[in-house]
Amino acid sequence: MLEFGEVYEIDSLLTIEEYNEMYRKQESKCGICGIHENQLTKKLNIDHDHKTGKARELLCQKCNVALSYFENFDIKPFIEYLKKHKEKLN
């Protein structure tokens, strides 16, 4: 949760009120992996669509970085690679 005057880079994505509402709805957890913010060293990031600039959800740093790769690359080969090696282990 953000307090008035707290330093956090919201940019023009969300107002403090919008951020806090999203934070409350997500129960202070990452929108992808569900880790609670109190288990993190940094606050949750505001994920947004880089084309539209529209905020989506709050994410932990790891999920936010991973998502940026998924958005910018064809992930099908990565999924196939993981499936191939999962089958070898079973």
C-alpha atoms as a PDB file:
ATOM      1  CA  MET A   1       0.000   0.000   0.000  1.00  0.00           C
ATOM      2  CA  LEU A   2       1.285   3.472  -0.799  1.00  0.00           C
ATOM      3  CA  GLU A   3       0.959   6.472   1.479  1.00  0.00           C
ATOM      4  CA  PHE A   4       0.781  10.082   0.318  1.00  0.00           C
ATOM      5  CA  GLY A   5       4.284  11.382  -0.300  1.00  0.00           C
ATOM      6  CA  GLU A   6       5.864   7.932  -0.387  1.00  0.00           C
ATOM      7  CA  VAL A   7       8.496   7.709  -3.087  1.00  0.00           C
ATOM      8  CA  TYR A   8       7.441   5.270  -5.767  1.00  0.00           C
ATOM      9  CA  GLU A   9       7.565   5.608  -9.510  1.00  0.00           C
ATOM     10  CA  ILE A  10       3.939   5.386 -10.589  1.00  0.00           C
ATOM     11  CA  ASP A  11       4.483   7.606 -13.620  1.00  0.00           C
ATOM     12  CA  SER A  12       1.205   8.262 -15.389  1.00  0.00           C
ATOM     13  CA  LEU A  13       0.083   4.623 -15.181  1.00  0.00           C
ATOM     14  CA  LEU A  14      -1.986   4.897 -12.013  1.00  0.00           C
ATOM     15  CA  THR A  15      -2.913   7.363  -9.333  1.00  0.00           C
ATOM     16  CA  ILE A  16      -1.984   6.437  -5.758  1.00  0.00           C
ATOM     17  CA  GLU A  17      -5.659   5.628  -5.174  1.00  0.00           C
ATOM     18  CA  GLU A  18      -5.791   3.331  -8.226  1.00  0.00           C
ATOM     19  CA  TYR A  19      -2.579   1.609  -7.149  1.00  0.00           C
ATOM     20  CA  ASN A  20      -3.908   1.067  -3.625  1.00  0.00           C
ATOM     21  CA  GLU A  21      -7.207  -0.304  -4.967  1.00  0.00           C
ATOM     22  CA  MET A  22      -5.338  -2.749  -7.223  1.00  0.00           C
ATOM     23  CA  TYR A  23      -3.087  -3.672  -4.288  1.00  0.00           C
ATOM     24  CA  ARG A  24      -6.143  -4.349  -2.103  1.00  0.00           C
ATOM     25  CA  LYS A  25      -7.949  -6.408  -4.776  1.00  0.00           C
ATOM     26  CA  GLN A  26      -4.824  -8.511  -5.305  1.00  0.00           C
ATOM     27  CA  GLU A  27      -4.472  -8.954  -1.533  1.00  0.00           C
ATOM     28  CA  SER A  28      -0.904  -7.563  -1.690  1.00  0.00           C
ATOM     29  CA  LYS A  29       0.151 -10.446  -3.967  1.00  0.00           C
ATOM     30  CA  CYS A  30       1.785 -10.761  -7.371  1.00  0.00           C
ATOM     31  CA  GLY A  31      -0.821 -11.186 -10.106  1.00  0.00           C
ATOM     32  CA  ILE A  32       1.084 -14.137 -11.605  1.00  0.00           C
ATOM     33  CA  CYS A  33       2.878 -16.193  -8.941  1.00  0.00           C
ATOM     34  CA  GLY A  34       0.871 -15.032  -5.933  1.00  0.00           C
ATOM     35  CA  ILE A  35       3.845 -14.229  -3.691  1.00  0.00           C
ATOM     36  CA  HIS A  36       2.905 -11.733  -0.969  1.00  0.00           C
ATOM     37  CA  GLU A  37       4.690  -8.395  -1.042  1.00  0.00           C
ATOM     38  CA  ASN A  38       5.959  -8.873   2.533  1.00  0.00           C
ATOM     39  CA  GLN A  39       8.098 -11.759   1.193  1.00  0.00           C
ATOM     40  CA  LEU A  40       9.782  -9.451  -1.334  1.00  0.00           C
ATOM     41  CA  THR A  41      12.631  -6.983  -0.983  1.00  0.00           C
ATOM     42  CA  LYS A  42      10.908  -4.500  -3.325  1.00  0.00           C
ATOM     43  CA  LYS A  43       7.343  -3.307  -3.766  1.00  0.00           C
ATOM     44  CA  LEU A  44       5.176  -4.900  -6.447  1.00  0.00           C
ATOM     45  CA  ASN A  45       5.673  -3.469  -9.941  1.00  0.00           C
ATOM     46  CA  ILE A  46       2.915  -1.991 -12.036  1.00  0.00           C
ATOM     47  CA  ASP A  47       2.684  -4.197 -15.102  1.00  0.00           C
ATOM     48  CA  HIS A  48       1.440  -2.390 -18.175  1.00  0.00           C
ATOM     49  CA  ASP A  49       0.922  -2.907 -21.882  1.00  0.00           C
ATOM     50  CA  HIS A  50       3.874  -1.213 -23.567  1.00  0.00           C
ATOM     51  CA  LYS A  51       1.825  -0.412 -26.660  1.00  0.00           C
ATOM     52  CA  THR A  52      -1.185   1.154 -24.948  1.00  0.00           C
ATOM     53  CA  GLY A  53       0.412   2.201 -21.669  1.00  0.00           C
ATOM     54  CA  LYS A  54      -2.578   0.730 -19.823  1.00  0.00           C
ATOM     55  CA  ALA A  55      -1.860  -0.751 -16.381  1.00  0.00           C
ATOM     56  CA  ARG A  56      -2.795  -4.423 -15.992  1.00  0.00           C
ATOM     57  CA  GLU A  57      -1.868  -5.771 -12.544  1.00  0.00           C
ATOM     58  CA  LEU A  58       0.828  -5.601  -9.885  1.00  0.00           C
ATOM     59  CA  LEU A  59       3.658  -8.116 -10.299  1.00  0.00           C
ATOM     60  CA  CYS A  60       6.777  -9.126  -8.412  1.00  0.00           C
ATOM     61  CA  GLN A  61      10.080  -8.246 -10.074  1.00  0.00           C
ATOM     62  CA  LYS A  62      10.755 -11.808 -11.290  1.00  0.00           C
ATOM     63  CA  CYS A  63       7.347 -12.195 -12.934  1.00  0.00           C
ATOM     64  CA  ASN A  64       7.498  -8.712 -14.426  1.00  0.00           C
ATOM     65  CA  VAL A  65      10.869  -9.439 -16.066  1.00  0.00           C
ATOM     66  CA  ALA A  66       9.763 -12.892 -17.266  1.00  0.00           C
ATOM     67  CA  LEU A  67       6.572 -11.435 -18.727  1.00  0.00           C
ATOM     68  CA  SER A  68       8.556  -8.846 -20.676  1.00  0.00           C
ATOM     69  CA  TYR A  69      10.452 -11.705 -22.374  1.00  0.00           C
ATOM     70  CA  PHE A  70       7.241 -13.575 -23.138  1.00  0.00           C
ATOM     71  CA  GLU A  71       5.740 -10.482 -24.732  1.00  0.00           C
ATOM     72  CA  ASN A  72       8.753  -9.800 -26.912  1.00  0.00           C
ATOM     73  CA  PHE A  73       9.630 -13.302 -28.109  1.00  0.00           C
ATOM     74  CA  ASP A  74       7.839 -16.264 -29.608  1.00  0.00           C
ATOM     75  CA  ILE A  75       7.549 -18.470 -26.523  1.00  0.00           C
ATOM     76  CA  LYS A  76       6.385 -21.594 -28.350  1.00  0.00           C
ATOM     77  CA  PRO A  77       9.955 -22.941 -28.777  1.00  0.00           C
ATOM     78  CA  PHE A  78      10.569 -22.445 -25.041  1.00  0.00           C
ATOM     79  CA  ILE A  79       7.416 -24.370 -24.145  1.00  0.00           C
ATOM     80  CA  GLU A  80       8.310 -27.170 -26.542  1.00  0.00           C
ATOM     81  CA  TYR A  81      11.817 -27.328 -25.086  1.00  0.00           C
ATOM     82  CA  LEU A  82      10.475 -27.682 -21.548  1.00  0.00           C
ATOM     83  CA  LYS A  83       7.956 -30.324 -22.636  1.00  0.00           C
ATOM     84  CA  LYS A  84      10.713 -32.306 -24.350  1.00  0.00           C
ATOM     85  CA  HIS A  85      12.856 -32.378 -21.232  1.00  0.00           C
ATOM     86  CA  LYS A  86       9.958 -33.044 -18.893  1.00  0.00           C
ATOM     87  CA  GLU A  87       9.090 -36.166 -20.902  1.00  0.00           C
ATOM     88  CA  LYS A  88      12.690 -37.364 -20.618  1.00  0.00           C
ATOM     89  CA  LEU A  89      12.529 -37.132 -16.829  1.00  0.00           C
ATOM     90  CA  ASN A  90       9.325 -39.166 -16.506  1.00  0.00           C
END
